[in-house]
Amino acid sequence: MAHLDLHEQEQVDKLKYFWRDWGKYLIGGIAVLVIGYAANSGYSYYKQSKSKDAVIVYNNLTSQVLQANDKEIYADADKLISQYSSAEYASMGALITAKYAFDKKDYVNAEKYLVWTKDNSQDKSLSSLAVLRLASVYVDQQKFDKARELLKTKHDLAFDGLFYEARGDTYVAMGDLNKARDAYKEGLQKAANDPTTQQSIQMKLSVIGG
């Protein structure tokens, strides 16, 4: 970890506070997007695949998440990925379950479902999202080498800005603000068509003095 002077350490602490305070809402937003995606594509998927059982399992999983029923959540997630692995509902269910596990600091299960989605999802957007979330799991455990290596993997080009942002987050957690600034600045360019990501990156640059 790079040596930091008092000013730089204060900047790092501010950014950590930002993530502790707002991170849960950002992560929650991802889950909402995933659930919304499921709702929009659910009927057409049901007609095409005729996997009524997969829909039922997925809906039950989301209900159990609201009730924080660990046993049922993991059982439903395992059923989706084992019996309906080719369905998008399996990937979406795995992502939601991984978020639930991450929020509880259950890194073993969070990693399990994110790795599965990364390796098995037929949707590049969902697999790319799984990579980003998995990197966060590694950073939270200070497994920085794993996170950095993971963020070099191929992904949906639409996620370029988010990947560079995640690299910046990793370097901030490591205490290397210079590399964090470089990653964030690259992310701003990559996210030229994504105002939301640009705004998020700019906020972080402002915190660390970019």
Protein backbone atom coordinates (compact mmCIF):
# COMPACT_ATOMS: atom_id res chain seq x y z
CA MET A 1 0.00 0.00 0.00
CA ALA A 2 1.39 3.38 -0.95
CA HIS A 3 2.44 5.77 1.83
CA LEU A 4 -0.03 8.61 2.23
CA ASP A 5 0.51 12.03 3.83
CA LEU A 6 -2.18 13.40 6.13
CA HIS A 7 -3.95 15.30 3.35
CA GLU A 8 -4.15 12.26 1.07
CA GLN A 9 -5.29 10.05 3.94
CA GLU A 10 -8.08 12.52 4.66
CA GLN A 11 -9.14 12.33 1.01
CA VAL A 12 -9.21 8.53 1.13
CA ASP A 13 -11.27 8.60 4.33
CA LYS A 14 -13.75 10.98 2.70
CA LEU A 15 -14.17 8.67 -0.28
CA LYS A 16 -14.60 5.65 1.97
CA TYR A 17 -17.31 7.56 3.85
CA PHE A 18 -18.97 8.40 0.56
CA TRP A 19 -19.16 4.73 -0.36
CA ARG A 20 -20.33 3.60 3.08
CA ASP A 21 -23.03 6.24 3.04
CA TRP A 22 -24.17 6.00 -0.58
CA GLY A 23 -22.91 2.64 -1.76
CA LYS A 24 -25.92 0.74 -0.49
CA TYR A 25 -28.20 2.95 -2.57
CA LEU A 26 -26.07 2.49 -5.69
CA ILE A 27 -26.00 -1.27 -5.16
CA GLY A 28 -29.73 -1.23 -4.47
CA GLY A 29 -30.26 0.67 -7.70
CA ILE A 30 -28.56 -2.12 -9.62
CA ALA A 31 -30.91 -4.64 -8.05
CA VAL A 32 -33.92 -2.50 -9.00
CA LEU A 33 -32.68 -2.33 -12.59
CA VAL A 34 -32.25 -6.09 -12.68
CA ILE A 35 -35.73 -6.68 -11.27
CA GLY A 36 -37.16 -4.16 -13.71
CA TYR A 37 -35.44 -5.94 -16.57
CA ALA A 38 -37.00 -9.18 -15.44
CA ALA A 39 -40.45 -7.64 -15.29
CA ASN A 40 -40.15 -6.17 -18.79
CA SER A 41 -38.84 -9.32 -20.40
CA GLY A 42 -40.70 -11.82 -18.25
CA TYR A 43 -43.80 -12.36 -20.36
CA SER A 44 -41.97 -12.69 -23.67
CA TYR A 45 -39.45 -15.05 -22.12
CA TYR A 46 -42.27 -17.15 -20.66
CA LYS A 47 -43.90 -17.49 -24.07
CA GLN A 48 -40.64 -18.35 -25.82
CA SER A 49 -39.18 -20.81 -23.34
CA LYS A 50 -42.38 -22.04 -21.67
CA SER A 51 -40.44 -22.19 -18.42
CA LYS A 52 -43.31 -21.42 -16.10
CA ASP A 53 -41.52 -23.12 -13.23
CA ALA A 54 -38.50 -20.84 -13.61
CA VAL A 55 -40.74 -17.79 -13.35
CA ILE A 56 -42.35 -19.16 -10.20
CA VAL A 57 -38.97 -19.90 -8.59
CA TYR A 58 -37.63 -16.47 -9.51
CA ASN A 59 -40.69 -14.68 -8.14
CA ASN A 60 -40.46 -16.66 -4.93
CA LEU A 61 -36.78 -15.76 -4.60
CA THR A 62 -37.48 -12.03 -4.88
CA SER A 63 -40.24 -12.37 -2.29
CA GLN A 64 -37.93 -14.21 0.10
CA VAL A 65 -35.30 -11.49 -0.29
CA LEU A 66 -37.80 -8.97 1.07
CA GLN A 67 -38.39 -11.26 4.04
CA ALA A 68 -34.64 -11.93 4.51
CA ASN A 69 -35.24 -15.69 4.51
CA ASP A 70 -31.71 -17.00 3.94
CA LYS A 71 -32.61 -20.66 3.57
CA GLU A 72 -35.29 -20.08 0.95
CA ILE A 73 -33.26 -17.48 -0.94
CA TYR A 74 -30.25 -19.72 -1.42
CA ALA A 75 -32.42 -22.74 -2.16
CA ASP A 76 -34.28 -20.87 -4.90
CA ALA A 77 -31.06 -19.44 -6.34
CA ASP A 78 -29.48 -22.91 -6.44
CA LYS A 79 -32.58 -24.30 -8.12
CA LEU A 80 -32.51 -21.59 -10.79
CA ILE A 81 -28.86 -22.10 -11.70
CA SER A 82 -29.03 -25.89 -11.59
CA GLN A 83 -32.37 -26.51 -13.34
CA TYR A 84 -32.83 -23.41 -15.50
CA SER A 85 -29.23 -22.40 -16.23
CA SER A 86 -29.99 -21.32 -19.81
CA ALA A 87 -32.74 -18.93 -18.73
CA GLU A 88 -32.02 -15.27 -18.09
CA TYR A 89 -33.99 -15.65 -14.87
CA ALA A 90 -31.16 -17.80 -13.52
CA SER A 91 -28.60 -15.04 -14.04
CA MET A 92 -30.88 -12.35 -12.67
CA GLY A 93 -31.75 -14.47 -9.65
CA ALA A 94 -28.07 -15.15 -9.03
CA LEU A 95 -27.26 -11.43 -9.16
CA ILE A 96 -30.00 -10.57 -6.70
CA THR A 97 -28.89 -13.36 -4.38
CA ALA A 98 -25.27 -12.21 -4.61
CA LYS A 99 -26.30 -8.69 -3.62
CA TYR A 100 -28.24 -10.06 -0.67
CA ALA A 101 -25.23 -12.10 0.44
CA PHE A 102 -22.84 -9.15 -0.04
CA ASP A 103 -25.01 -6.90 2.12
CA LYS A 104 -24.75 -9.51 4.89
CA LYS A 105 -20.97 -9.78 4.40
CA ASP A 106 -21.49 -13.37 3.29
CA TYR A 107 -18.64 -13.22 0.81
CA VAL A 108 -18.61 -16.95 0.12
CA ASN A 109 -22.11 -16.98 -1.33
CA ALA A 110 -21.74 -13.57 -2.96
CA GLU A 111 -18.69 -14.83 -4.84
CA LYS A 112 -20.37 -18.14 -5.69
CA TYR A 113 -23.35 -16.58 -7.47
CA LEU A 114 -21.34 -13.82 -9.15
CA VAL A 115 -18.79 -16.27 -10.53
CA TRP A 116 -21.60 -18.45 -11.82
CA THR A 117 -23.25 -15.50 -13.58
CA LYS A 118 -19.93 -14.32 -15.01
CA ASP A 119 -19.19 -17.75 -16.44
CA ASN A 120 -22.67 -18.84 -17.50
CA SER A 121 -24.88 -15.89 -18.41
CA GLN A 122 -25.68 -15.65 -22.10
CA ASP A 123 -26.38 -11.95 -21.67
CA LYS A 124 -23.16 -9.91 -21.93
CA SER A 125 -24.63 -7.09 -19.88
CA LEU A 126 -25.49 -9.39 -16.99
CA SER A 127 -22.11 -11.14 -17.10
CA SER A 128 -20.33 -7.75 -17.19
CA LEU A 129 -22.38 -6.59 -14.22
CA ALA A 130 -21.40 -9.76 -12.38
CA VAL A 131 -17.72 -8.99 -12.99
CA LEU A 132 -18.11 -5.49 -11.57
CA ARG A 133 -19.91 -6.75 -8.48
CA LEU A 134 -17.37 -9.54 -8.00
CA ALA A 135 -14.55 -7.00 -8.09
CA SER A 136 -16.32 -5.11 -5.31
CA VAL A 137 -16.52 -8.31 -3.27
CA TYR A 138 -12.77 -8.78 -3.64
CA VAL A 139 -12.02 -5.16 -2.77
CA ASP A 140 -14.17 -5.39 0.34
CA GLN A 141 -11.97 -8.32 1.42
CA GLN A 142 -8.78 -6.45 0.42
CA LYS A 143 -8.08 -9.00 -2.29
CA PHE A 144 -6.85 -6.24 -4.54
CA ASP A 145 -4.83 -8.36 -6.97
CA LYS A 146 -7.88 -10.49 -7.73
CA ALA A 147 -10.02 -7.41 -8.27
CA ARG A 148 -7.52 -5.76 -10.63
CA GLU A 149 -7.05 -8.92 -12.65
CA LEU A 150 -10.79 -9.45 -12.91
CA LEU A 151 -11.35 -5.94 -14.20
CA LYS A 152 -9.07 -6.68 -17.17
CA THR A 153 -11.42 -9.35 -18.52
CA LYS A 154 -13.44 -8.88 -21.70
CA HIS A 155 -16.82 -7.27 -21.17
CA ASP A 156 -19.66 -5.48 -22.90
CA LEU A 157 -18.16 -2.29 -24.37
CA ALA A 158 -21.08 -0.32 -22.99
CA PHE A 159 -19.60 -1.00 -19.53
CA ASP A 160 -16.16 0.49 -20.30
CA GLY A 161 -16.73 3.56 -18.17
CA LEU A 162 -17.92 1.48 -15.23
CA PHE A 163 -14.92 -0.84 -15.49
CA TYR A 164 -12.47 2.06 -15.34
CA GLU A 165 -14.45 3.53 -12.47
CA ALA A 166 -14.14 0.20 -10.65
CA ARG A 167 -10.39 0.22 -11.27
CA GLY A 168 -10.25 3.66 -9.73
CA ASP A 169 -12.22 2.46 -6.72
CA THR A 170 -9.78 -0.41 -6.30
CA TYR A 171 -6.77 1.90 -6.32
CA VAL A 172 -8.44 4.20 -3.82
CA ALA A 173 -8.98 1.24 -1.50
CA MET A 174 -5.29 0.41 -1.94
CA GLY A 175 -4.29 3.98 -1.13
CA ASP A 176 -2.81 4.69 -4.56
CA LEU A 177 -4.51 7.96 -5.43
CA ASN A 178 -2.36 8.70 -8.48
CA LYS A 179 -3.43 5.50 -10.24
CA ALA A 180 -6.98 6.08 -9.05
CA ARG A 181 -7.02 9.50 -10.73
CA ASP A 182 -5.67 8.03 -13.96
CA ALA A 183 -8.34 5.32 -13.97
CA TYR A 184 -11.13 7.77 -13.20
CA LYS A 185 -9.99 10.17 -15.94
CA GLU A 186 -9.90 7.31 -18.44
CA GLY A 187 -13.34 6.32 -17.24
CA LEU A 188 -14.67 9.81 -17.97
CA GLN A 189 -13.60 9.42 -21.59
CA LYS A 190 -14.96 5.90 -21.91
CA ALA A 191 -18.30 7.00 -20.45
CA ALA A 192 -18.78 9.83 -22.95
CA ASN A 193 -22.29 8.59 -23.74
CA ASP A 194 -23.18 7.77 -20.14
CA PRO A 195 -23.86 10.98 -18.15
CA THR A 196 -24.76 9.07 -14.98
CA THR A 197 -21.42 7.25 -14.87
CA GLN A 198 -19.56 10.44 -15.75
CA GLN A 199 -21.22 12.26 -12.87
CA SER A 200 -20.34 9.47 -10.45
CA ILE A 201 -16.70 9.45 -11.57
CA GLN A 202 -16.45 13.23 -11.43
CA MET A 203 -17.71 13.22 -7.86
CA LYS A 204 -15.00 10.75 -6.87
CA LEU A 205 -12.33 12.77 -8.64
CA SER A 206 -13.46 15.82 -6.74
CA VAL A 207 -13.15 13.95 -3.45
CA ILE A 208 -9.57 12.77 -4.09
CA GLY A 209 -8.52 15.97 -5.79
CA GLY A 210 -8.63 15.23 -9.48
